[in-house]
Amino acid sequence: MKTHSGAKKRFRLTASGKVKRKKRNVRHLLVNKSSKRKRQLGKTTYVSSSFELEVKKMLGVS
């Protein structure tokens, strides 16, 4: 089964099996956002546990 090409560009697996992702809302309209908010948006975060299984299926990991 092929991996979802959109998912493999957006998500990465960690060594412990969690799924990392980048945060949204950092592409445009940055003038209206505070410096603190923009700084926090630059960091990576993890996919929520309720959505993690679905993402792993798209990545071909089960």
N, C-alpha and C. Protein backbone atom coordinates (compact mmCIF):
# COMPACT_ATOMS: atom_id res chain seq x y z
N MET A 1 0.84 -1.18 0.00
CA MET A 1 0.00 0.00 0.00
C MET A 1 0.89 1.25 0.00
N LYS A 2 0.52 2.23 -0.82
CA LYS A 2 1.33 3.44 -0.93
C LYS A 2 1.08 4.38 0.24
N THR A 3 2.12 5.15 0.56
CA THR A 3 1.95 6.16 1.60
C THR A 3 1.23 7.36 1.01
N HIS A 4 0.54 8.11 1.83
CA HIS A 4 -0.16 9.32 1.42
C HIS A 4 0.89 10.40 1.22
N SER A 5 1.04 10.90 -0.02
CA SER A 5 2.14 11.81 -0.31
C SER A 5 2.00 13.15 0.41
N GLY A 6 0.78 13.58 0.71
CA GLY A 6 0.58 14.80 1.48
C GLY A 6 0.99 14.61 2.92
N ALA A 7 0.72 13.43 3.46
CA ALA A 7 1.05 13.14 4.86
C ALA A 7 2.55 13.01 5.06
N LYS A 8 3.25 12.41 4.11
CA LYS A 8 4.68 12.23 4.31
C LYS A 8 5.45 13.54 4.24
N LYS A 9 4.85 14.57 3.62
CA LYS A 9 5.46 15.89 3.60
C LYS A 9 5.21 16.66 4.89
N ARG A 10 4.15 16.32 5.61
CA ARG A 10 3.73 17.10 6.78
C ARG A 10 4.07 16.50 8.13
N PHE A 11 4.26 15.19 8.18
CA PHE A 11 4.45 14.51 9.46
C PHE A 11 5.74 13.72 9.49
N ARG A 12 6.34 13.61 10.69
CA ARG A 12 7.53 12.80 10.91
C ARG A 12 7.31 11.96 12.16
N LEU A 13 7.88 10.75 12.14
CA LEU A 13 7.79 9.87 13.30
C LEU A 13 9.01 10.06 14.18
N THR A 14 8.80 10.05 15.49
CA THR A 14 9.90 10.11 16.44
C THR A 14 10.34 8.68 16.76
N ALA A 15 11.44 8.56 17.47
CA ALA A 15 11.96 7.24 17.84
C ALA A 15 11.01 6.50 18.77
N SER A 16 10.26 7.27 19.58
CA SER A 16 9.32 6.63 20.51
C SER A 16 7.98 6.30 19.85
N GLY A 17 7.80 6.68 18.59
CA GLY A 17 6.57 6.34 17.88
C GLY A 17 5.54 7.44 17.82
N LYS A 18 5.85 8.61 18.40
CA LYS A 18 4.92 9.73 18.31
C LYS A 18 5.03 10.36 16.92
N VAL A 19 4.02 11.17 16.57
CA VAL A 19 4.02 11.83 15.27
C VAL A 19 4.19 13.32 15.47
N LYS A 20 5.27 13.87 14.88
CA LYS A 20 5.55 15.31 14.98
C LYS A 20 4.90 16.03 13.81
N ARG A 21 4.55 17.31 14.06
CA ARG A 21 4.01 18.15 12.99
C ARG A 21 4.37 19.59 13.26
N LYS A 22 4.28 20.42 12.21
CA LYS A 22 4.48 21.86 12.39
C LYS A 22 3.15 22.49 12.74
N LYS A 23 3.20 23.67 13.34
CA LYS A 23 1.96 24.36 13.69
C LYS A 23 1.43 25.13 12.50
N ARG A 24 0.15 25.45 12.53
CA ARG A 24 -0.48 26.19 11.44
C ARG A 24 -0.48 27.68 11.75
N ASN A 25 -1.01 28.48 10.84
CA ASN A 25 -1.17 29.94 11.00
C ASN A 25 0.14 30.71 11.01
N VAL A 26 1.12 30.27 10.22
CA VAL A 26 2.39 31.00 10.23
C VAL A 26 2.78 31.45 8.81
N ARG A 27 1.86 31.39 7.87
CA ARG A 27 2.16 31.70 6.47
C ARG A 27 1.95 33.17 6.10
N HIS A 28 0.85 33.74 6.52
CA HIS A 28 0.56 35.13 6.13
C HIS A 28 -0.22 35.82 7.24
N LEU A 29 -0.48 37.12 7.06
CA LEU A 29 -1.15 37.95 8.07
C LEU A 29 -0.38 37.97 9.38
N LEU A 30 0.96 37.99 9.28
CA LEU A 30 1.79 37.93 10.47
C LEU A 30 1.87 39.26 11.20
N VAL A 31 1.47 40.35 10.53
CA VAL A 31 1.51 41.67 11.16
C VAL A 31 0.54 41.73 12.33
N ASN A 32 -0.57 41.02 12.22
CA ASN A 32 -1.61 41.05 13.25
C ASN A 32 -1.30 40.15 14.45
N LYS A 33 -0.29 39.30 14.33
CA LYS A 33 0.01 38.36 15.41
C LYS A 33 1.14 38.91 16.28
N SER A 34 1.06 38.62 17.55
CA SER A 34 2.09 39.11 18.48
C SER A 34 3.39 38.34 18.27
N SER A 35 4.49 38.95 18.71
CA SER A 35 5.80 38.32 18.58
C SER A 35 5.85 37.00 19.34
N LYS A 36 5.23 36.97 20.51
CA LYS A 36 5.21 35.75 21.30
C LYS A 36 4.48 34.63 20.56
N ARG A 37 3.35 34.98 19.95
CA ARG A 37 2.57 33.98 19.22
C ARG A 37 3.35 33.45 18.01
N LYS A 38 4.00 34.34 17.28
CA LYS A 38 4.78 33.93 16.12
C LYS A 38 5.95 33.04 16.52
N ARG A 39 6.57 33.36 17.65
CA ARG A 39 7.68 32.56 18.17
C ARG A 39 7.21 31.15 18.52
N GLN A 40 6.06 31.05 19.17
CA GLN A 40 5.51 29.75 19.54
C GLN A 40 5.11 28.94 18.30
N LEU A 41 4.64 29.62 17.26
CA LEU A 41 4.22 28.93 16.04
C LEU A 41 5.40 28.33 15.29
N GLY A 42 6.59 28.80 15.56
CA GLY A 42 7.77 28.26 14.89
C GLY A 42 8.19 26.90 15.41
N LYS A 43 7.70 26.52 16.57
CA LYS A 43 8.09 25.25 17.19
C LYS A 43 7.24 24.10 16.66
N THR A 44 7.77 22.91 16.79
CA THR A 44 7.01 21.73 16.39
C THR A 44 6.17 21.24 17.56
N THR A 45 5.16 20.45 17.24
CA THR A 45 4.30 19.88 18.26
C THR A 45 3.95 18.46 17.85
N TYR A 46 3.17 17.77 18.64
CA TYR A 46 2.81 16.39 18.36
C TYR A 46 1.35 16.31 17.93
N VAL A 47 1.05 15.33 17.10
CA VAL A 47 -0.32 15.07 16.69
C VAL A 47 -1.08 14.53 17.90
N SER A 48 -2.34 14.94 18.04
CA SER A 48 -3.13 14.48 19.18
C SER A 48 -3.34 12.97 19.10
N SER A 49 -3.53 12.36 20.25
CA SER A 49 -3.63 10.90 20.32
C SER A 49 -4.84 10.37 19.57
N SER A 50 -5.90 11.17 19.47
CA SER A 50 -7.10 10.72 18.77
C SER A 50 -6.89 10.66 17.26
N PHE A 51 -5.93 11.41 16.75
CA PHE A 51 -5.68 11.48 15.31
C PHE A 51 -4.42 10.72 14.91
N GLU A 52 -3.66 10.28 15.89
CA GLU A 52 -2.36 9.67 15.64
C GLU A 52 -2.46 8.39 14.83
N LEU A 53 -3.42 7.54 15.13
CA LEU A 53 -3.57 6.27 14.41
C LEU A 53 -3.88 6.50 12.94
N GLU A 54 -4.71 7.49 12.65
CA GLU A 54 -5.07 7.81 11.27
C GLU A 54 -3.85 8.30 10.47
N VAL A 55 -3.03 9.12 11.11
CA VAL A 55 -1.83 9.63 10.45
C VAL A 55 -0.84 8.49 10.20
N LYS A 56 -0.69 7.60 11.17
CA LYS A 56 0.24 6.48 11.02
C LYS A 56 -0.20 5.57 9.88
N LYS A 57 -1.50 5.40 9.69
CA LYS A 57 -2.00 4.60 8.58
C LYS A 57 -1.64 5.26 7.24
N MET A 58 -1.75 6.59 7.19
CA MET A 58 -1.40 7.30 5.97
C MET A 58 0.08 7.20 5.67
N LEU A 59 0.90 7.10 6.73
CA LEU A 59 2.34 6.98 6.57
C LEU A 59 2.79 5.55 6.31
N GLY A 60 1.86 4.60 6.40
CA GLY A 60 2.19 3.21 6.16
C GLY A 60 2.78 2.50 7.37
N VAL A 61 2.57 3.07 8.55
CA VAL A 61 3.06 2.47 9.80
C VAL A 61 1.85 2.04 10.61
N SER A 62 1.86 0.83 11.10
CA SER A 62 0.73 0.39 11.93
C SER A 62 1.19 -0.37 13.13
